[in-house]
PDB file of N, CA and C in Angstrom:
ATOM      1  N   MET A   1     128.941  58.168 139.032  1.00  0.00           N
ATOM      2  CA  MET A   1     129.525  58.643 137.779  1.00  0.00           C
ATOM      3  C   MET A   1     128.845  59.943 137.365  1.00  0.00           C
ATOM      4  N   ARG A   2     129.616  60.853 136.892  1.00  0.00           N
ATOM      5  CA  ARG A   2     129.062  62.131 136.462  1.00  0.00           C
ATOM      6  C   ARG A   2     128.368  61.990 135.119  1.00  0.00           C
ATOM      7  N   ASP A   3     127.392  62.863 134.865  1.00  0.00           N
ATOM      8  CA  ASP A   3     126.758  62.815 133.556  1.00  0.00           C
ATOM      9  C   ASP A   3     127.594  63.600 132.543  1.00  0.00           C
ATOM     10  N   GLU A   4     127.311  63.387 131.280  1.00  0.00           N
ATOM     11  CA  GLU A   4     128.121  63.947 130.203  1.00  0.00           C
ATOM     12  C   GLU A   4     128.167  65.468 130.237  1.00  0.00           C
ATOM     13  N   ASP A   5     127.042  66.115 130.520  1.00  0.00           N
ATOM     14  CA  ASP A   5     127.015  67.582 130.562  1.00  0.00           C
ATOM     15  C   ASP A   5     127.950  68.131 131.629  1.00  0.00           C
ATOM     16  N   GLU A   6     127.973  67.482 132.778  1.00  0.00           N
ATOM     17  CA  GLU A   6     128.849  67.929 133.868  1.00  0.00           C
ATOM     18  C   GLU A   6     130.325  67.781 133.478  1.00  0.00           C
ATOM     19  N   ILE A   7     130.657  66.664 132.840  1.00  0.00           N
ATOM     20  CA  ILE A   7     132.035  66.439 132.414  1.00  0.00           C
ATOM     21  C   ILE A   7     132.432  67.454 131.354  1.00  0.00           C
ATOM     22  N   ARG A   8     131.557  67.705 130.387  1.00  0.00           N
ATOM     23  CA  ARG A   8     131.854  68.686 129.337  1.00  0.00           C
ATOM     24  C   ARG A   8     132.019  70.088 129.922  1.00  0.00           C
ATOM     25  N   GLU A   9     131.182  70.436 130.876  1.00  0.00           N
ATOM     26  CA  GLU A   9     131.285  71.749 131.514  1.00  0.00           C
ATOM     27  C   GLU A   9     132.629  71.904 132.216  1.00  0.00           C
ATOM     28  N   GLN A  10     133.058  70.868 132.929  1.00  0.00           N
ATOM     29  CA  GLN A  10     134.351  70.893 133.612  1.00  0.00           C
ATOM     30  C   GLN A  10     135.492  71.003 132.602  1.00  0.00           C
ATOM     31  N   TYR A  11     135.372  70.273 131.495  1.00  0.00           N
ATOM     32  CA  TYR A  11     136.401  70.306 130.452  1.00  0.00           C
ATOM     33  C   TYR A  11     136.528  71.703 129.861  1.00  0.00           C
ATOM     34  N   GLU A  12     135.404  72.329 129.554  1.00  0.00           N
ATOM     35  CA  GLU A  12     135.420  73.677 128.982  1.00  0.00           C
ATOM     36  C   GLU A  12     135.993  74.687 129.971  1.00  0.00           C
ATOM     37  N   PHE A  13     135.656  74.528 131.245  1.00  0.00           N
ATOM     38  CA  PHE A  13     136.203  75.412 132.275  1.00  0.00           C
ATOM     39  C   PHE A  13     137.724  75.297 132.332  1.00  0.00           C
ATOM     40  N   LEU A  14     138.224  74.062 132.361  1.00  0.00           N
ATOM     41  CA  LEU A  14     139.675  73.854 132.418  1.00  0.00           C
ATOM     42  C   LEU A  14     140.363  74.373 131.171  1.00  0.00           C
ATOM     43  N   LYS A  15     139.722  74.186 130.033  1.00  0.00           N
ATOM     44  CA  LYS A  15     140.288  74.677 128.771  1.00  0.00           C
ATOM     45  C   LYS A  15     140.424  76.196 128.815  1.00  0.00           C
ATOM     46  N   ALA A  16     139.401  76.887 129.296  1.00  0.00           N
ATOM     47  CA  ALA A  16     139.450  78.345 129.407  1.00  0.00           C
ATOM     48  C   ALA A  16     140.517  78.773 130.407  1.00  0.00           C
ATOM     49  N   GLN A  17     140.625  78.056 131.523  1.00  0.00           N
ATOM     50  CA  GLN A  17     141.634  78.383 132.523  1.00  0.00           C
ATOM     51  C   GLN A  17     143.045  78.219 131.956  1.00  0.00           C
ATOM     52  N   LEU A  18     143.247  77.156 131.190  1.00  0.00           N
ATOM     53  CA  LEU A  18     144.567  76.893 130.624  1.00  0.00           C
ATOM     54  C   LEU A  18     144.967  77.975 129.625  1.00  0.00           C
ATOM     55  N   GLU A  19     143.996  78.505 128.889  1.00  0.00           N
ATOM     56  CA  GLU A  19     144.283  79.510 127.868  1.00  0.00           C
ATOM     57  C   GLU A  19     144.420  80.915 128.450  1.00  0.00           C
ATOM     58  N   ASP A  20     144.076  81.095 129.723  1.00  0.00           N
ATOM     59  CA  ASP A  20     144.191  82.396 130.378  1.00  0.00           C
ATOM     60  C   ASP A  20     145.652  82.827 130.429  1.00  0.00           C
ATOM     61  N   GLU A  21     145.928  84.078 130.115  1.00  0.00           N
ATOM     62  CA  GLU A  21     147.306  84.567 130.083  1.00  0.00           C
ATOM     63  C   GLU A  21     147.992  84.482 131.450  1.00  0.00           C
ATOM     64  N   GLU A  22     147.233  84.556 132.525  1.00  0.00           N
ATOM     65  CA  GLU A  22     147.827  84.490 133.857  1.00  0.00           C
ATOM     66  C   GLU A  22     148.257  83.070 134.218  1.00  0.00           C
ATOM     67  N   MET A  23     147.795  82.085 133.470  1.00  0.00           N
ATOM     68  CA  MET A  23     148.104  80.684 133.747  1.00  0.00           C
ATOM     69  C   MET A  23     149.358  80.300 132.968  1.00  0.00           C
ATOM     70  N   ASN A  24     150.494  80.895 133.359  1.00  0.00           N
ATOM     71  CA  ASN A  24     151.698  80.691 132.572  1.00  0.00           C
ATOM     72  C   ASN A  24     152.775  79.883 133.299  1.00  0.00           C
ATOM     73  N   HIS A  25     152.497  79.452 134.500  1.00  0.00           N
ATOM     74  CA  HIS A  25     153.456  78.619 135.221  1.00  0.00           C
ATOM     75  C   HIS A  25     153.459  77.225 134.588  1.00  0.00           C
ATOM     76  N   GLU A  26     154.601  76.768 134.153  1.00  0.00           N
ATOM     77  CA  GLU A  26     154.679  75.542 133.352  1.00  0.00           C
ATOM     78  C   GLU A  26     154.160  74.304 134.091  1.00  0.00           C
ATOM     79  N   GLY A  27     154.419  74.194 135.377  1.00  0.00           N
ATOM     80  CA  GLY A  27     153.921  73.038 136.127  1.00  0.00           C
ATOM     81  C   GLY A  27     152.410  72.985 136.174  1.00  0.00           C
ATOM     82  N   VAL A  28     151.789  74.140 136.379  1.00  0.00           N
ATOM     83  CA  VAL A  28     150.326  74.204 136.409  1.00  0.00           C
ATOM     84  C   VAL A  28     149.771  73.902 135.019  1.00  0.00           C
ATOM     85  N   ARG A  29     150.398  74.466 133.996  1.00  0.00           N
ATOM     86  CA  ARG A  29     149.968  74.229 132.617  1.00  0.00           C
ATOM     87  C   ARG A  29     150.030  72.733 132.286  1.00  0.00           C
ATOM     88  N   GLN A  30     151.109  72.092 132.701  1.00  0.00           N
ATOM     89  CA  GLN A  30     151.272  70.663 132.425  1.00  0.00           C
ATOM     90  C   GLN A  30     150.209  69.848 133.165  1.00  0.00           C
ATOM     91  N   MET A  31     149.924  70.199 134.408  1.00  0.00           N
ATOM     92  CA  MET A  31     148.902  69.491 135.168  1.00  0.00           C
ATOM     93  C   MET A  31     147.541  69.585 134.482  1.00  0.00           C
ATOM     94  N   PHE A  32     147.174  70.796 134.046  1.00  0.00           N
ATOM     95  CA  PHE A  32     145.898  70.962 133.366  1.00  0.00           C
ATOM     96  C   PHE A  32     145.872  70.202 132.040  1.00  0.00           C
ATOM     97  N   THR A  33     146.992  70.159 131.356  1.00  0.00           N
ATOM     98  CA  THR A  33     147.052  69.424 130.093  1.00  0.00           C
ATOM     99  C   THR A  33     146.770  67.948 130.327  1.00  0.00           C
ATOM    100  N   TYR A  34     147.374  67.371 131.360  1.00  0.00           N
ATOM    101  CA  TYR A  34     147.128  65.962 131.677  1.00  0.00           C
ATOM    102  C   TYR A  34     145.668  65.739 132.059  1.00  0.00           C
ATOM    103  N   TYR A  35     145.106  66.661 132.828  1.00  0.00           N
ATOM    104  CA  TYR A  35     143.718  66.525 133.264  1.00  0.00           C
ATOM    105  C   TYR A  35     142.777  66.626 132.073  1.00  0.00           C
ATOM    106  N   ARG A  36     143.052  67.558 131.178  1.00  0.00           N
ATOM    107  CA  ARG A  36     142.232  67.698 129.969  1.00  0.00           C
ATOM    108  C   ARG A  36     142.298  66.424 129.132  1.00  0.00           C
ATOM    109  N   ARG A  37     143.499  65.853 128.998  1.00  0.00           N
ATOM    110  CA  ARG A  37     143.669  64.624 128.218  1.00  0.00           C
ATOM    111  C   ARG A  37     142.846  63.493 128.844  1.00  0.00           C
ATOM    112  N   ALA A  38     142.902  63.371 130.164  1.00  0.00           N
ATOM    113  CA  ALA A  38     142.142  62.318 130.847  1.00  0.00           C
ATOM    114  C   ALA A  38     140.645  62.506 130.637  1.00  0.00           C
ATOM    115  N   LEU A  39     140.167  63.732 130.734  1.00  0.00           N
ATOM    116  CA  LEU A  39     138.744  63.987 130.493  1.00  0.00           C
ATOM    117  C   LEU A  39     138.371  63.660 129.053  1.00  0.00           C
ATOM    118  N   GLY A  40     139.255  63.969 128.121  1.00  0.00           N
ATOM    119  CA  GLY A  40     139.004  63.637 126.722  1.00  0.00           C
ATOM    120  C   GLY A  40     138.853  62.138 126.523  1.00  0.00           C
ATOM    121  N   TRP A  41     139.706  61.361 127.187  1.00  0.00           N
ATOM    122  CA  TRP A  41     139.612  59.907 127.084  1.00  0.00           C
ATOM    123  C   TRP A  41     138.285  59.414 127.639  1.00  0.00           C
ATOM    124  N   VAL A  42     137.844  59.986 128.747  1.00  0.00           N
ATOM    125  CA  VAL A  42     136.562  59.584 129.342  1.00  0.00           C
ATOM    126  C   VAL A  42     135.439  59.860 128.361  1.00  0.00           C
ATOM    127  N   LEU A  43     135.448  61.042 127.739  1.00  0.00           N
ATOM    128  CA  LEU A  43     134.406  61.380 126.782  1.00  0.00           C
ATOM    129  C   LEU A  43     134.449  60.471 125.561  1.00  0.00           C
ATOM    130  N   GLU A  44     135.640  60.152 125.076  1.00  0.00           N
ATOM    131  CA  GLU A  44     135.772  59.263 123.921  1.00  0.00           C
ATOM    132  C   GLU A  44     135.220  57.872 124.232  1.00  0.00           C
ATOM    133  N   GLU A  45     135.510  57.352 125.410  1.00  0.00           N
ATOM    134  CA  GLU A  45     135.057  56.008 125.768  1.00  0.00           C
ATOM    135  C   GLU A  45     133.539  55.920 125.794  1.00  0.00           C
ATOM    136  N   GLU A  46     132.864  57.021 126.064  1.00  0.00           N
ATOM    137  CA  GLU A  46     131.410  57.013 126.087  1.00  0.00           C
ATOM    138  C   GLU A  46     130.828  56.750 124.697  1.00  0.00           C
ATOM    139  N   TYR A  47     131.594  57.037 123.656  1.00  0.00           N
ATOM    140  CA  TYR A  47     131.066  56.922 122.293  1.00  0.00           C
ATOM    141  C   TYR A  47     131.616  55.726 121.539  1.00  0.00           C
ATOM    142  N   ILE A  48     132.475  54.941 122.183  1.00  0.00           N
ATOM    143  CA  ILE A  48     133.042  53.760 121.507  1.00  0.00           C
ATOM    144  C   ILE A  48     132.072  52.592 121.604  1.00  0.00           C
TER     145      ILE A  48
END
């Protein structure tokens, strides 16, 4: 299992990639959105 810092770093990287103007292909955007949501759930479960 990854540690929290590694997961947060990956989440921030994906968030920056998604907001990049060159990342405008809808399929790629949707994939990153799902991945970000999944990472968010993992982080939330750590604090429940």
